[in-house]
């Protein structure tokens, strides 16, 4: 593939927290012709997401929070999501354990890394590591809610898995990472210990 792409230049369009670049490239098409293209790429960093599940009670832990991007797109209500966070240089497992404590108020002792996937490869370099976790009521260490100094104002939801899964079809859960993890858990259950 490298012989099909020639990066001609990059311009930083913005870089408050993460850089937004415009990349000019020459791309050799399947027909052999070269085409010059310009693409904007957001380098927003890698992240991890986890869906904790209590197999005894059949419940999952989710969060509800305001998201500016969905608000600007015409969805003014806070959205329901799995617990997630930026890696900020940490390994995915370490970071997602910390996020579960901060956002959910649970110290998860059992987690399973499922896979890594690009979140929106047409515009972003972000890779998301997906996890399932197991919890029980005795794993609660705080009320959760996130870190106020990071602008987080998170409501923790504990729902039956079946109810959360049905919320996808009703359009109440519209976050892709959450849909993916709920469907994975519904179809496969928790992973067997390796």
C-alpha atoms as a PDB file:
ATOM      1  CA  UNK A   1       0.000   0.000   0.000  1.00  0.00           C
ATOM      2  CA  UNK A   2       2.905   2.380   0.675  1.00  0.00           C
ATOM      3  CA  UNK A   3       3.672   2.521  -3.063  1.00  0.00           C
ATOM      4  CA  UNK A   4       0.111   3.790  -3.623  1.00  0.00           C
ATOM      5  CA  UNK A   5       0.382   6.778  -1.277  1.00  0.00           C
ATOM      6  CA  UNK A   6       2.648   9.826  -1.321  1.00  0.00           C
ATOM      7  CA  UNK A   7       2.097  12.360   1.485  1.00  0.00           C
ATOM      8  CA  UNK A   8       2.735  15.792  -0.019  1.00  0.00           C
ATOM      9  CA  UNK A   9       2.205  17.909   3.056  1.00  0.00           C
ATOM     10  CA  UNK A  10       0.378  18.493   6.307  1.00  0.00           C
ATOM     11  CA  UNK A  11      -1.073  21.606   7.897  1.00  0.00           C
ATOM     12  CA  UNK A  12      -2.189  21.849  11.516  1.00  0.00           C
ATOM     13  CA  UNK A  13      -5.656  23.423  11.461  1.00  0.00           C
ATOM     14  CA  UNK A  14      -6.200  23.359  15.220  1.00  0.00           C
ATOM     15  CA  UNK A  15      -4.471  21.867  18.247  1.00  0.00           C
ATOM     16  CA  UNK A  16      -6.143  22.787  21.512  1.00  0.00           C
ATOM     17  CA  UNK A  17      -6.155  19.329  23.136  1.00  0.00           C
ATOM     18  CA  UNK A  18      -5.621  17.150  20.068  1.00  0.00           C
ATOM     19  CA  UNK A  19      -4.363  18.184  16.623  1.00  0.00           C
ATOM     20  CA  UNK A  20      -6.661  18.476  13.628  1.00  0.00           C
ATOM     21  CA  UNK A  21      -4.527  18.132  10.483  1.00  0.00           C
ATOM     22  CA  UNK A  22      -5.202  18.678   6.820  1.00  0.00           C
ATOM     23  CA  UNK A  23      -3.160  16.172   4.823  1.00  0.00           C
ATOM     24  CA  UNK A  24      -2.495  16.539   1.102  1.00  0.00           C
ATOM     25  CA  UNK A  25      -1.613  13.254  -0.567  1.00  0.00           C
ATOM     26  CA  UNK A  26      -1.289  11.579  -3.916  1.00  0.00           C
ATOM     27  CA  UNK A  27      -3.193   8.307  -4.052  1.00  0.00           C
ATOM     28  CA  UNK A  28      -2.812   5.695  -6.792  1.00  0.00           C
ATOM     29  CA  UNK A  29      -6.249   4.350  -7.631  1.00  0.00           C
ATOM     30  CA  UNK A  30      -6.998   0.750  -8.634  1.00  0.00           C
ATOM     31  CA  UNK A  31      -6.951   1.798 -12.291  1.00  0.00           C
ATOM     32  CA  UNK A  32      -3.332   2.993 -11.872  1.00  0.00           C
ATOM     33  CA  UNK A  33      -4.135   6.706 -12.069  1.00  0.00           C
ATOM     34  CA  UNK A  34      -2.753   9.076  -9.444  1.00  0.00           C
ATOM     35  CA  UNK A  35      -5.217  11.391  -7.739  1.00  0.00           C
ATOM     36  CA  UNK A  36      -4.401  14.289  -5.401  1.00  0.00           C
ATOM     37  CA  UNK A  37      -6.627  14.358  -2.330  1.00  0.00           C
ATOM     38  CA  UNK A  38      -7.007  16.520   0.759  1.00  0.00           C
ATOM     39  CA  UNK A  39      -8.268  14.982   3.979  1.00  0.00           C
ATOM     40  CA  UNK A  40      -8.798  16.318   7.478  1.00  0.00           C
ATOM     41  CA  UNK A  41      -7.664  13.938  10.194  1.00  0.00           C
ATOM     42  CA  UNK A  42      -8.324  14.372  13.899  1.00  0.00           C
ATOM     43  CA  UNK A  43      -5.594  12.850  16.088  1.00  0.00           C
ATOM     44  CA  UNK A  44      -7.711  12.551  19.227  1.00  0.00           C
ATOM     45  CA  UNK A  45      -5.775   9.765  20.914  1.00  0.00           C
ATOM     46  CA  UNK A  46      -6.624   6.168  21.704  1.00  0.00           C
ATOM     47  CA  UNK A  47      -9.263   5.176  24.256  1.00  0.00           C
ATOM     48  CA  UNK A  48     -10.799   2.217  26.053  1.00  0.00           C
ATOM     49  CA  UNK A  49     -14.397   1.273  26.876  1.00  0.00           C
ATOM     50  CA  UNK A  50     -15.873  -1.307  29.246  1.00  0.00           C
ATOM     51  CA  UNK A  51     -19.264  -2.844  29.918  1.00  0.00           C
ATOM     52  CA  UNK A  52     -19.419  -4.303  33.450  1.00  0.00           C
ATOM     53  CA  UNK A  53     -21.925  -7.145  33.930  1.00  0.00           C
ATOM     54  CA  UNK A  54     -23.274  -8.796  37.077  1.00  0.00           C
ATOM     55  CA  UNK A  55     -24.113 -12.353  35.959  1.00  0.00           C
ATOM     56  CA  UNK A  56     -25.949 -13.149  39.203  1.00  0.00           C
ATOM     57  CA  UNK A  57     -28.462 -10.307  38.844  1.00  0.00           C
ATOM     58  CA  UNK A  58     -28.213  -9.953  35.041  1.00  0.00           C
ATOM     59  CA  UNK A  59     -27.443  -6.224  35.223  1.00  0.00           C
ATOM     60  CA  UNK A  60     -25.009  -3.896  33.456  1.00  0.00           C
ATOM     61  CA  UNK A  61     -23.476  -0.583  34.473  1.00  0.00           C
ATOM     62  CA  UNK A  62     -23.834   2.342  32.074  1.00  0.00           C
ATOM     63  CA  UNK A  63     -23.442   6.094  32.339  1.00  0.00           C
ATOM     64  CA  UNK A  64     -25.575   9.020  31.185  1.00  0.00           C
ATOM     65  CA  UNK A  65     -23.871  12.302  30.376  1.00  0.00           C
ATOM     66  CA  UNK A  66     -24.094  15.447  28.275  1.00  0.00           C
ATOM     67  CA  UNK A  67     -22.119  15.347  25.028  1.00  0.00           C
ATOM     68  CA  UNK A  68     -21.627  18.598  23.126  1.00  0.00           C
ATOM     69  CA  UNK A  69     -21.205  16.870  19.745  1.00  0.00           C
ATOM     70  CA  UNK A  70     -24.571  15.097  19.972  1.00  0.00           C
ATOM     71  CA  UNK A  71     -26.200  18.280  21.291  1.00  0.00           C
ATOM     72  CA  UNK A  72     -24.913  20.243  18.299  1.00  0.00           C
ATOM     73  CA  UNK A  73     -26.233  17.507  15.990  1.00  0.00           C
ATOM     74  CA  UNK A  74     -29.775  17.978  17.345  1.00  0.00           C
ATOM     75  CA  UNK A  75     -29.841  15.469  20.198  1.00  0.00           C
ATOM     76  CA  UNK A  76     -30.157  17.733  23.264  1.00  0.00           C
ATOM     77  CA  UNK A  77     -30.579  14.991  25.880  1.00  0.00           C
ATOM     78  CA  UNK A  78     -27.628  13.399  27.669  1.00  0.00           C
ATOM     79  CA  UNK A  79     -26.711  10.084  26.064  1.00  0.00           C
ATOM     80  CA  UNK A  80     -26.350   6.646  27.602  1.00  0.00           C
ATOM     81  CA  UNK A  81     -22.924   5.073  27.157  1.00  0.00           C
ATOM     82  CA  UNK A  82     -20.550   2.471  28.480  1.00  0.00           C
ATOM     83  CA  UNK A  83     -17.775   3.682  30.736  1.00  0.00           C
ATOM     84  CA  UNK A  84     -14.888   4.932  28.586  1.00  0.00           C
ATOM     85  CA  UNK A  85     -11.847   7.142  28.668  1.00  0.00           C
ATOM     86  CA  UNK A  86      -8.766   8.345  26.880  1.00  0.00           C
ATOM     87  CA  UNK A  87      -5.592   6.318  27.403  1.00  0.00           C
ATOM     88  CA  UNK A  88      -3.384   9.390  27.910  1.00  0.00           C
ATOM     89  CA  UNK A  89      -0.246   7.257  27.629  1.00  0.00           C
ATOM     90  CA  UNK A  90      -1.491   4.403  29.848  1.00  0.00           C
ATOM     91  CA  UNK A  91      -2.050   0.844  28.739  1.00  0.00           C
ATOM     92  CA  UNK A  92      -5.744   0.143  27.993  1.00  0.00           C
ATOM     93  CA  UNK A  93      -6.362  -2.272  30.897  1.00  0.00           C
ATOM     94  CA  UNK A  94      -4.858   0.036  33.510  1.00  0.00           C
ATOM     95  CA  UNK A  95      -6.749   3.043  32.153  1.00  0.00           C
ATOM     96  CA  UNK A  96     -10.139   1.321  31.950  1.00  0.00           C
ATOM     97  CA  UNK A  97      -9.850   0.082  35.540  1.00  0.00           C
ATOM     98  CA  UNK A  98      -9.224   3.672  36.668  1.00  0.00           C
ATOM     99  CA  UNK A  99     -12.131   4.951  34.549  1.00  0.00           C
ATOM    100  CA  UNK A 100     -14.475   2.374  36.116  1.00  0.00           C
ATOM    101  CA  UNK A 101     -13.513   3.638  39.566  1.00  0.00           C
ATOM    102  CA  UNK A 102     -13.871   7.319  38.616  1.00  0.00           C
ATOM    103  CA  UNK A 103     -17.050   7.127  36.522  1.00  0.00           C
ATOM    104  CA  UNK A 104     -18.902   4.113  37.931  1.00  0.00           C
ATOM    105  CA  UNK A 105     -17.601   3.945  41.492  1.00  0.00           C
ATOM    106  CA  UNK A 106     -16.697   0.255  41.142  1.00  0.00           C
ATOM    107  CA  UNK A 107     -13.358  -1.483  41.525  1.00  0.00           C
ATOM    108  CA  UNK A 108     -13.506  -4.237  38.918  1.00  0.00           C
ATOM    109  CA  UNK A 109     -11.410  -7.276  39.697  1.00  0.00           C
ATOM    110  CA  UNK A 110     -12.285  -9.275  36.573  1.00  0.00           C
ATOM    111  CA  UNK A 111     -12.040  -7.756  33.119  1.00  0.00           C
ATOM    112  CA  UNK A 112     -11.526  -9.209  29.660  1.00  0.00           C
ATOM    113  CA  UNK A 113     -10.031  -7.372  26.695  1.00  0.00           C
ATOM    114  CA  UNK A 114     -12.088  -8.298  23.643  1.00  0.00           C
ATOM    115  CA  UNK A 115     -10.588  -6.461  20.668  1.00  0.00           C
ATOM    116  CA  UNK A 116      -9.366  -3.115  19.358  1.00  0.00           C
ATOM    117  CA  UNK A 117     -11.065  -1.264  16.510  1.00  0.00           C
ATOM    118  CA  UNK A 118     -10.860   2.124  14.836  1.00  0.00           C
ATOM    119  CA  UNK A 119     -13.723   4.294  16.053  1.00  0.00           C
ATOM    120  CA  UNK A 120     -14.291   6.474  12.943  1.00  0.00           C
ATOM    121  CA  UNK A 121     -11.513   5.679  10.426  1.00  0.00           C
ATOM    122  CA  UNK A 122     -12.747   8.169   7.831  1.00  0.00           C
ATOM    123  CA  UNK A 123     -11.800  11.150   9.998  1.00  0.00           C
ATOM    124  CA  UNK A 124     -10.006  10.030  13.158  1.00  0.00           C
ATOM    125  CA  UNK A 125      -6.877   8.081  14.075  1.00  0.00           C
ATOM    126  CA  UNK A 126      -8.481   6.878  17.326  1.00  0.00           C
ATOM    127  CA  UNK A 127      -8.355   3.182  18.190  1.00  0.00           C
ATOM    128  CA  UNK A 128     -10.713   1.971  20.873  1.00  0.00           C
ATOM    129  CA  UNK A 129      -9.963  -1.045  23.078  1.00  0.00           C
ATOM    130  CA  UNK A 130     -13.170  -2.867  24.050  1.00  0.00           C
ATOM    131  CA  UNK A 131     -13.539  -4.662  27.395  1.00  0.00           C
ATOM    132  CA  UNK A 132     -16.143  -6.616  29.333  1.00  0.00           C
ATOM    133  CA  UNK A 133     -16.007  -6.709  33.104  1.00  0.00           C
ATOM    134  CA  UNK A 134     -17.684  -8.572  35.898  1.00  0.00           C
ATOM    135  CA  UNK A 135     -18.970  -6.866  39.023  1.00  0.00           C
ATOM    136  CA  UNK A 136     -21.150  -7.358  42.060  1.00  0.00           C
ATOM    137  CA  UNK A 137     -22.587  -4.957  44.605  1.00  0.00           C
ATOM    138  CA  UNK A 138     -19.657  -5.641  46.937  1.00  0.00           C
ATOM    139  CA  UNK A 139     -17.271  -4.087  44.370  1.00  0.00           C
ATOM    140  CA  UNK A 140     -18.709  -0.576  44.902  1.00  0.00           C
ATOM    141  CA  UNK A 141     -16.120   1.840  46.332  1.00  0.00           C
ATOM    142  CA  UNK A 142     -17.837   5.221  45.738  1.00  0.00           C
ATOM    143  CA  UNK A 143     -20.848   6.890  44.153  1.00  0.00           C
ATOM    144  CA  UNK A 144     -18.932   7.401  40.892  1.00  0.00           C
ATOM    145  CA  UNK A 145     -19.879  10.316  38.689  1.00  0.00           C
ATOM    146  CA  UNK A 146     -16.493  11.176  37.220  1.00  0.00           C
ATOM    147  CA  UNK A 147     -14.047  13.932  38.035  1.00  0.00           C
ATOM    148  CA  UNK A 148     -15.496  17.433  38.346  1.00  0.00           C
ATOM    149  CA  UNK A 149     -12.105  18.977  37.501  1.00  0.00           C
ATOM    150  CA  UNK A 150     -12.291  17.216  34.112  1.00  0.00           C
ATOM    151  CA  UNK A 151     -15.782  18.614  33.495  1.00  0.00           C
ATOM    152  CA  UNK A 152     -17.474  15.276  34.140  1.00  0.00           C
ATOM    153  CA  UNK A 153     -21.016  15.212  35.512  1.00  0.00           C
ATOM    154  CA  UNK A 154     -21.962  11.568  35.091  1.00  0.00           C
ATOM    155  CA  UNK A 155     -25.056   9.681  36.218  1.00  0.00           C
ATOM    156  CA  UNK A 156     -24.453   5.974  36.861  1.00  0.00           C
ATOM    157  CA  UNK A 157     -27.171   3.612  35.605  1.00  0.00           C
ATOM    158  CA  UNK A 158     -27.610  -0.010  36.604  1.00  0.00           C
ATOM    159  CA  UNK A 159     -30.006  -1.750  34.225  1.00  0.00           C
ATOM    160  CA  UNK A 160     -31.027  -5.312  33.429  1.00  0.00           C
ATOM    161  CA  UNK A 161     -29.058  -6.459  30.357  1.00  0.00           C
ATOM    162  CA  UNK A 162     -32.276  -7.266  28.477  1.00  0.00           C
ATOM    163  CA  UNK A 163     -33.655  -3.775  29.117  1.00  0.00           C
ATOM    164  CA  UNK A 164     -30.434  -2.098  27.973  1.00  0.00           C
ATOM    165  CA  UNK A 165     -30.383  -4.256  24.853  1.00  0.00           C
ATOM    166  CA  UNK A 166     -34.006  -3.325  24.025  1.00  0.00           C
ATOM    167  CA  UNK A 167     -33.113   0.364  24.423  1.00  0.00           C
ATOM    168  CA  UNK A 168     -30.986   0.064  21.275  1.00  0.00           C
ATOM    169  CA  UNK A 169     -34.026  -0.794  19.103  1.00  0.00           C
ATOM    170  CA  UNK A 170     -36.054   2.031  20.676  1.00  0.00           C
ATOM    171  CA  UNK A 171     -33.315   4.569  19.869  1.00  0.00           C
ATOM    172  CA  UNK A 172     -32.586   5.275  23.526  1.00  0.00           C
ATOM    173  CA  UNK A 173     -28.994   4.024  23.243  1.00  0.00           C
ATOM    174  CA  UNK A 174     -27.350   5.659  20.216  1.00  0.00           C
ATOM    175  CA  UNK A 175     -23.660   5.444  21.073  1.00  0.00           C
ATOM    176  CA  UNK A 176     -21.778   3.010  18.791  1.00  0.00           C
ATOM    177  CA  UNK A 177     -19.323   1.643  21.363  1.00  0.00           C
ATOM    178  CA  UNK A 178     -22.212   0.931  23.716  1.00  0.00           C
ATOM    179  CA  UNK A 179     -24.230  -0.836  21.023  1.00  0.00           C
ATOM    180  CA  UNK A 180     -21.187  -2.947  20.120  1.00  0.00           C
ATOM    181  CA  UNK A 181     -20.492  -4.024  23.698  1.00  0.00           C
ATOM    182  CA  UNK A 182     -24.145  -4.706  24.550  1.00  0.00           C
ATOM    183  CA  UNK A 183     -24.540  -6.827  21.430  1.00  0.00           C
ATOM    184  CA  UNK A 184     -21.295  -8.681  22.138  1.00  0.00           C
ATOM    185  CA  UNK A 185     -22.380  -9.489  25.693  1.00  0.00           C
ATOM    186  CA  UNK A 186     -25.892 -10.477  24.619  1.00  0.00           C
ATOM    187  CA  UNK A 187     -24.586 -12.806  21.895  1.00  0.00           C
ATOM    188  CA  UNK A 188     -21.553 -14.272  23.690  1.00  0.00           C
ATOM    189  CA  UNK A 189     -21.901 -13.755  27.432  1.00  0.00           C
ATOM    190  CA  UNK A 190     -18.806 -13.216  29.518  1.00  0.00           C
ATOM    191  CA  UNK A 191     -15.624 -14.790  28.145  1.00  0.00           C
ATOM    192  CA  UNK A 192     -14.438 -18.043  29.632  1.00  0.00           C
ATOM    193  CA  UNK A 193     -11.253 -17.775  31.634  1.00  0.00           C
ATOM    194  CA  UNK A 194      -8.260 -18.445  29.439  1.00  0.00           C
END
